[in-house]
Every structure is written in C-alpha cells, then in structure tokens.
Amino acid sequence: MSEVGSINKNGQKLLARTEFKGNDHNQKIWAVQCGQPGCGHVYGVNGSDFHERKCPKCQGGAPGL
C-alpha cells in the first residue's frame, strides 16, 4: 500500500486516504494532487488505481471521483 506523500510514475502525489466509498469493489477514495509544473490539480481516485493514475486536467487521465 502506498504511503501518504508517495508519488506515482506519472507525478501524482498521494495527499490522504479517506473513508469515502470509491466506485470500484471495496475501494476507498484517496485524495491525489498533480505534481506537473503549473497544474497542481487535486482530485479523488480509487486506492487501487493510484499507482497508474494520470491527471484528468493536464495528462488526459480519467475524471476524478
């Protein structure tokens, strides 16, 4: 499991794990922030998707939760 502060291969930083239900089986929403210069978009993801997520604002990733 990723720790708060972890950064995935696409430059997305894990800010927090929440108790809100995600939209995938048994998942919780994690708050993520884009680390790309000039972006900083904050959005939610299923915890199981964090490792591969791309920013929906600047990298063409799926919409956040």
PDB file of N, CA and C in Angstrom:
ATOM      1  N   MET A   1       0.845  -1.180   0.000  1.00  0.00           N
ATOM      2  CA  MET A   1       0.000   0.000   0.000  1.00  0.00           C
ATOM      3  C   MET A   1       0.890   1.243   0.000  1.00  0.00           C
ATOM      4  N   SER A   2       0.508   2.219  -0.765  1.00  0.00           N
ATOM      5  CA  SER A   2       1.267   3.463  -0.843  1.00  0.00           C
ATOM      6  C   SER A   2       1.071   4.291   0.425  1.00  0.00           C
ATOM      7  N   GLU A   3       2.124   4.982   0.809  1.00  0.00           N
ATOM      8  CA  GLU A   3       2.084   5.853   1.975  1.00  0.00           C
ATOM      9  C   GLU A   3       1.700   7.265   1.544  1.00  0.00           C
ATOM     10  N   VAL A   4       1.064   8.012   2.441  1.00  0.00           N
ATOM     11  CA  VAL A   4       0.781   9.414   2.169  1.00  0.00           C
ATOM     12  C   VAL A   4       2.106  10.101   1.848  1.00  0.00           C
ATOM     13  N   GLY A   5       2.119  10.893   0.787  1.00  0.00           N
ATOM     14  CA  GLY A   5       3.341  11.541   0.329  1.00  0.00           C
ATOM     15  C   GLY A   5       3.988  10.824  -0.846  1.00  0.00           C
ATOM     16  N   SER A   6       3.557   9.588  -1.108  1.00  0.00           N
ATOM     17  CA  SER A   6       4.109   8.828  -2.241  1.00  0.00           C
ATOM     18  C   SER A   6       3.753   9.521  -3.553  1.00  0.00           C
ATOM     19  N   ILE A   7       4.634   9.365  -4.534  1.00  0.00           N
ATOM     20  CA  ILE A   7       4.417   9.924  -5.867  1.00  0.00           C
ATOM     21  C   ILE A   7       4.458   8.779  -6.860  1.00  0.00           C
ATOM     22  N   ASN A   8       3.424   8.681  -7.704  1.00  0.00           N
ATOM     23  CA  ASN A   8       3.388   7.586  -8.674  1.00  0.00           C
ATOM     24  C   ASN A   8       4.240   7.903  -9.899  1.00  0.00           C
ATOM     25  N   LYS A   9       4.301   6.975 -10.831  1.00  0.00           N
ATOM     26  CA  LYS A   9       5.157   7.116 -12.013  1.00  0.00           C
ATOM     27  C   LYS A   9       4.750   8.271 -12.924  1.00  0.00           C
ATOM     28  N   ASN A  10       3.535   8.807 -12.739  1.00  0.00           N
ATOM     29  CA  ASN A  10       3.054   9.915 -13.567  1.00  0.00           C
ATOM     30  C   ASN A  10       3.090  11.252 -12.830  1.00  0.00           C
ATOM     31  N   GLY A  11       3.754  11.284 -11.682  1.00  0.00           N
ATOM     32  CA  GLY A  11       3.934  12.529 -10.942  1.00  0.00           C
ATOM     33  C   GLY A  11       2.757  12.932 -10.075  1.00  0.00           C
ATOM     34  N   GLN A  12       1.881  11.978  -9.734  1.00  0.00           N
ATOM     35  CA  GLN A  12       0.722  12.258  -8.901  1.00  0.00           C
ATOM     36  C   GLN A  12       1.052  11.910  -7.452  1.00  0.00           C
ATOM     37  N   LYS A  13       0.780  12.846  -6.542  1.00  0.00           N
ATOM     38  CA  LYS A  13       1.138  12.681  -5.135  1.00  0.00           C
ATOM     39  C   LYS A  13      -0.077  12.309  -4.294  1.00  0.00           C
ATOM     40  N   LEU A  14       0.077  11.300  -3.444  1.00  0.00           N
ATOM     41  CA  LEU A  14      -0.985  10.884  -2.537  1.00  0.00           C
ATOM     42  C   LEU A  14      -1.027  11.841  -1.351  1.00  0.00           C
ATOM     43  N   LEU A  15      -2.151  12.571  -1.222  1.00  0.00           N
ATOM     44  CA  LEU A  15      -2.316  13.535  -0.136  1.00  0.00           C
ATOM     45  C   LEU A  15      -2.951  12.919   1.102  1.00  0.00           C
ATOM     46  N   ALA A  16      -3.957  12.060   0.897  1.00  0.00           N
ATOM     47  CA  ALA A  16      -4.687  11.470   2.025  1.00  0.00           C
ATOM     48  C   ALA A  16      -5.507  10.284   1.565  1.00  0.00           C
ATOM     49  N   ARG A  17      -5.779   9.380   2.502  1.00  0.00           N
ATOM     50  CA  ARG A  17      -6.721   8.290   2.276  1.00  0.00           C
ATOM     51  C   ARG A  17      -7.990   8.652   3.023  1.00  0.00           C
ATOM     52  N   THR A  18      -9.138   8.563   2.367  1.00  0.00           N
ATOM     53  CA  THR A  18     -10.397   8.915   3.030  1.00  0.00           C
ATOM     54  C   THR A  18     -11.199   7.655   3.337  1.00  0.00           C
ATOM     55  N   GLU A  19     -12.301   7.830   4.017  1.00  0.00           N
ATOM     56  CA  GLU A  19     -13.229   6.739   4.313  1.00  0.00           C
ATOM     57  C   GLU A  19     -14.419   6.745   3.358  1.00  0.00           C
ATOM     58  N   PHE A  20     -14.412   7.651   2.357  1.00  0.00           N
ATOM     59  CA  PHE A  20     -15.490   7.698   1.371  1.00  0.00           C
ATOM     60  C   PHE A  20     -15.377   6.510   0.429  1.00  0.00           C
ATOM     61  N   LYS A  21     -16.528   5.928   0.085  1.00  0.00           N
ATOM     62  CA  LYS A  21     -16.548   4.784  -0.828  1.00  0.00           C
ATOM     63  C   LYS A  21     -16.149   5.212  -2.232  1.00  0.00           C
ATOM     64  N   GLY A  22     -15.285   4.408  -2.861  1.00  0.00           N
ATOM     65  CA  GLY A  22     -14.930   4.620  -4.258  1.00  0.00           C
ATOM     66  C   GLY A  22     -15.963   3.972  -5.162  1.00  0.00           C
ATOM     67  N   ASN A  23     -15.676   3.955  -6.458  1.00  0.00           N
ATOM     68  CA  ASN A  23     -16.631   3.346  -7.392  1.00  0.00           C
ATOM     69  C   ASN A  23     -16.144   2.000  -7.923  1.00  0.00           C
ATOM     70  N   ASP A  24     -15.137   1.426  -7.269  1.00  0.00           N
ATOM     71  CA  ASP A  24     -14.657   0.092  -7.596  1.00  0.00           C
ATOM     72  C   ASP A  24     -14.885  -0.785  -6.358  1.00  0.00           C
ATOM     73  N   HIS A  25     -14.934  -2.090  -6.537  1.00  0.00           N
ATOM     74  CA  HIS A  25     -15.250  -3.047  -5.476  1.00  0.00           C
ATOM     75  C   HIS A  25     -14.367  -2.849  -4.239  1.00  0.00           C
ATOM     76  N   ASN A  26     -15.014  -2.589  -3.099  1.00  0.00           N
ATOM     77  CA  ASN A  26     -14.338  -2.451  -1.799  1.00  0.00           C
ATOM     78  C   ASN A  26     -13.248  -1.392  -1.755  1.00  0.00           C
ATOM     79  N   GLN A  27     -13.357  -0.351  -2.569  1.00  0.00           N
ATOM     80  CA  GLN A  27     -12.326   0.685  -2.589  1.00  0.00           C
ATOM     81  C   GLN A  27     -12.762   1.930  -1.839  1.00  0.00           C
ATOM     82  N   LYS A  28     -11.793   2.626  -1.298  1.00  0.00           N
ATOM     83  CA  LYS A  28     -11.988   3.934  -0.671  1.00  0.00           C
ATOM     84  C   LYS A  28     -11.333   4.977  -1.577  1.00  0.00           C
ATOM     85  N   ILE A  29     -11.805   6.216  -1.458  1.00  0.00           N
ATOM     86  CA  ILE A  29     -11.248   7.292  -2.271  1.00  0.00           C
ATOM     87  C   ILE A  29      -9.995   7.842  -1.607  1.00  0.00           C
ATOM     88  N   TRP A  30      -8.971   8.028  -2.415  1.00  0.00           N
ATOM     89  CA  TRP A  30      -7.735   8.673  -1.987  1.00  0.00           C
ATOM     90  C   TRP A  30      -7.657  10.029  -2.656  1.00  0.00           C
ATOM     91  N   ALA A  31      -7.206  11.040  -1.924  1.00  0.00           N
ATOM     92  CA  ALA A  31      -7.016  12.385  -2.467  1.00  0.00           C
ATOM     93  C   ALA A  31      -5.608  12.469  -3.060  1.00  0.00           C
ATOM     94  N   VAL A  32      -5.548  12.946  -4.302  1.00  0.00           N
ATOM     95  CA  VAL A  32      -4.304  12.982  -5.069  1.00  0.00           C
ATOM     96  C   VAL A  32      -4.104  14.383  -5.636  1.00  0.00           C
ATOM     97  N   GLN A  33      -2.850  14.809  -5.746  1.00  0.00           N
ATOM     98  CA  GLN A  33      -2.536  16.102  -6.351  1.00  0.00           C
ATOM     99  C   GLN A  33      -1.517  15.922  -7.459  1.00  0.00           C
ATOM    100  N   CYS A  34      -1.792  16.577  -8.579  1.00  0.00           N
ATOM    101  CA  CYS A  34      -0.874  16.521  -9.716  1.00  0.00           C
ATOM    102  C   CYS A  34       0.386  17.320  -9.405  1.00  0.00           C
ATOM    103  N   GLY A  35       1.513  16.739  -9.715  1.00  0.00           N
ATOM    104  CA  GLY A  35       2.800  17.392  -9.470  1.00  0.00           C
ATOM    105  C   GLY A  35       3.416  17.999 -10.712  1.00  0.00           C
ATOM    106  N   GLN A  36       2.675  18.038 -11.810  1.00  0.00           N
ATOM    107  CA  GLN A  36       3.215  18.611 -13.043  1.00  0.00           C
ATOM    108  C   GLN A  36       3.319  20.129 -12.900  1.00  0.00           C
ATOM    109  N   PRO A  37       4.397  20.722 -13.401  1.00  0.00           N
ATOM    110  CA  PRO A  37       4.571  22.178 -13.300  1.00  0.00           C
ATOM    111  C   PRO A  37       3.361  22.927 -13.854  1.00  0.00           C
ATOM    112  N   GLY A  38       2.865  23.874 -13.071  1.00  0.00           N
ATOM    113  CA  GLY A  38       1.747  24.700 -13.489  1.00  0.00           C
ATOM    114  C   GLY A  38       0.383  24.072 -13.319  1.00  0.00           C
ATOM    115  N   CYS A  39       0.294  22.864 -12.781  1.00  0.00           N
ATOM    116  CA  CYS A  39      -1.009  22.214 -12.635  1.00  0.00           C
ATOM    117  C   CYS A  39      -1.456  22.214 -11.174  1.00  0.00           C
ATOM    118  N   GLY A  40      -1.094  21.210 -10.403  1.00  0.00           N
ATOM    119  CA  GLY A  40      -1.490  21.140  -9.000  1.00  0.00           C
ATOM    120  C   GLY A  40      -2.920  20.715  -8.759  1.00  0.00           C
ATOM    121  N   HIS A  41      -3.599  20.200  -9.798  1.00  0.00           N
ATOM    122  CA  HIS A  41      -4.997  19.765  -9.690  1.00  0.00           C
ATOM    123  C   HIS A  41      -5.138  18.701  -8.601  1.00  0.00           C
ATOM    124  N   VAL A  42      -6.159  18.857  -7.756  1.00  0.00           N
ATOM    125  CA  VAL A  42      -6.442  17.894  -6.692  1.00  0.00           C
ATOM    126  C   VAL A  42      -7.721  17.148  -7.064  1.00  0.00           C
ATOM    127  N   TYR A  43      -7.687  15.831  -6.937  1.00  0.00           N
ATOM    128  CA  TYR A  43      -8.840  15.009  -7.324  1.00  0.00           C
ATOM    129  C   TYR A  43      -8.825  13.700  -6.551  1.00  0.00           C
ATOM    130  N   GLY A  44      -9.911  12.937  -6.627  1.00  0.00           N
ATOM    131  CA  GLY A  44     -10.021  11.672  -5.924  1.00  0.00           C
ATOM    132  C   GLY A  44      -9.866  10.486  -6.863  1.00  0.00           C
ATOM    133  N   VAL A  45      -9.300   9.411  -6.339  1.00  0.00           N
ATOM    134  CA  VAL A  45      -9.118   8.173  -7.106  1.00  0.00           C
ATOM    135  C   VAL A  45      -9.450   6.981  -6.209  1.00  0.00           C
ATOM    136  N   ASN A  46      -9.784   5.853  -6.807  1.00  0.00           N
ATOM    137  CA  ASN A  46      -9.857   4.607  -6.050  1.00  0.00           C
ATOM    138  C   ASN A  46      -8.444   4.267  -5.599  1.00  0.00           C
ATOM    139  N   GLY A  47      -8.310   3.810  -4.377  1.00  0.00           N
ATOM    140  CA  GLY A  47      -6.986   3.464  -3.869  1.00  0.00           C
ATOM    141  C   GLY A  47      -6.247   2.475  -4.757  1.00  0.00           C
ATOM    142  N   SER A  48      -6.982   1.560  -5.355  1.00  0.00           N
ATOM    143  CA  SER A  48      -6.352   0.535  -6.201  1.00  0.00           C
ATOM    144  C   SER A  48      -5.807   1.102  -7.513  1.00  0.00           C
ATOM    145  N   ASP A  49      -6.216   2.320  -7.876  1.00  0.00           N
ATOM    146  CA  ASP A  49      -5.790   2.923  -9.145  1.00  0.00           C
ATOM    147  C   ASP A  49      -4.638   3.905  -9.006  1.00  0.00           C
ATOM    148  N   PHE A  50      -4.275   4.277  -7.780  1.00  0.00           N
ATOM    149  CA  PHE A  50      -3.288   5.336  -7.581  1.00  0.00           C
ATOM    150  C   PHE A  50      -2.003   5.112  -8.367  1.00  0.00           C
ATOM    151  N   HIS A  51      -1.493   3.908  -8.356  1.00  0.00           N
ATOM    152  CA  HIS A  51      -0.190   3.623  -8.969  1.00  0.00           C
ATOM    153  C   HIS A  51      -0.126   3.958 -10.457  1.00  0.00           C
ATOM    154  N   GLU A  52      -1.282   3.986 -11.144  1.00  0.00           N
ATOM    155  CA  GLU A  52      -1.283   4.216 -12.591  1.00  0.00           C
ATOM    156  C   GLU A  52      -2.003   5.489 -13.027  1.00  0.00           C
ATOM    157  N   ARG A  53      -2.525   6.250 -12.083  1.00  0.00           N
ATOM    158  CA  ARG A  53      -3.341   7.408 -12.448  1.00  0.00           C
ATOM    159  C   ARG A  53      -2.540   8.517 -13.115  1.00  0.00           C
ATOM    160  N   LYS A  54      -3.232   9.174 -14.059  1.00  0.00           N
ATOM    161  CA  LYS A  54      -2.734  10.385 -14.715  1.00  0.00           C
ATOM    162  C   LYS A  54      -3.709  11.496 -14.374  1.00  0.00           C
ATOM    163  N   CYS A  55      -3.225  12.721 -14.365  1.00  0.00           N
ATOM    164  CA  CYS A  55      -4.071  13.873 -14.042  1.00  0.00           C
ATOM    165  C   CYS A  55      -5.155  14.062 -15.102  1.00  0.00           C
ATOM    166  N   PRO A  56      -6.428  14.226 -14.666  1.00  0.00           N
ATOM    167  CA  PRO A  56      -7.501  14.451 -15.637  1.00  0.00           C
ATOM    168  C   PRO A  56      -7.439  15.845 -16.260  1.00  0.00           C
ATOM    169  N   LYS A  57      -6.746  16.766 -15.622  1.00  0.00           N
ATOM    170  CA  LYS A  57      -6.680  18.143 -16.128  1.00  0.00           C
ATOM    171  C   LYS A  57      -5.568  18.334 -17.164  1.00  0.00           C
ATOM    172  N   CYS A  58      -4.401  17.761 -16.934  1.00  0.00           N
ATOM    173  CA  CYS A  58      -3.270  18.065 -17.835  1.00  0.00           C
ATOM    174  C   CYS A  58      -2.647  16.852 -18.531  1.00  0.00           C
ATOM    175  N   GLN A  59      -3.026  15.619 -18.122  1.00  0.00           N
ATOM    176  CA  GLN A  59      -2.424  14.430 -18.713  1.00  0.00           C
ATOM    177  C   GLN A  59      -3.432  13.545 -19.448  1.00  0.00           C
ATOM    178  N   GLY A  60      -4.665  13.973 -19.525  1.00  0.00           N
ATOM    179  CA  GLY A  60      -5.685  13.173 -20.211  1.00  0.00           C
ATOM    180  C   GLY A  60      -6.159  11.960 -19.432  1.00  0.00           C
ATOM    181  N   GLY A  61      -5.995  11.973 -18.106  1.00  0.00           N
ATOM    182  CA  GLY A  61      -6.441  10.862 -17.280  1.00  0.00           C
ATOM    183  C   GLY A  61      -7.955  10.848 -17.115  1.00  0.00           C
ATOM    184  N   ALA A  62      -8.456   9.749 -16.561  1.00  0.00           N
ATOM    185  CA  ALA A  62      -9.882   9.608 -16.289  1.00  0.00           C
ATOM    186  C   ALA A  62     -10.330  10.669 -15.286  1.00  0.00           C
ATOM    187  N   PRO A  63     -11.606  11.078 -15.346  1.00  0.00           N
ATOM    188  CA  PRO A  63     -12.105  12.070 -14.386  1.00  0.00           C
ATOM    189  C   PRO A  63     -11.918  11.591 -12.939  1.00  0.00           C
ATOM    190  N   GLY A  64     -11.701  12.507 -12.039  1.00  0.00           N
ATOM    191  CA  GLY A  64     -11.550  12.176 -10.630  1.00  0.00           C
ATOM    192  C   GLY A  64     -12.878  11.838  -9.994  1.00  0.00           C
ATOM    193  N   LEU A  65     -12.827  11.270  -8.811  1.00  0.00           N
ATOM    194  CA  LEU A  65     -14.040  10.901  -8.072  1.00  0.00           C
ATOM    195  C   LEU A  65     -14.437  12.006  -7.119  1.00  0.00           C
TER     196      LEU A  65
END
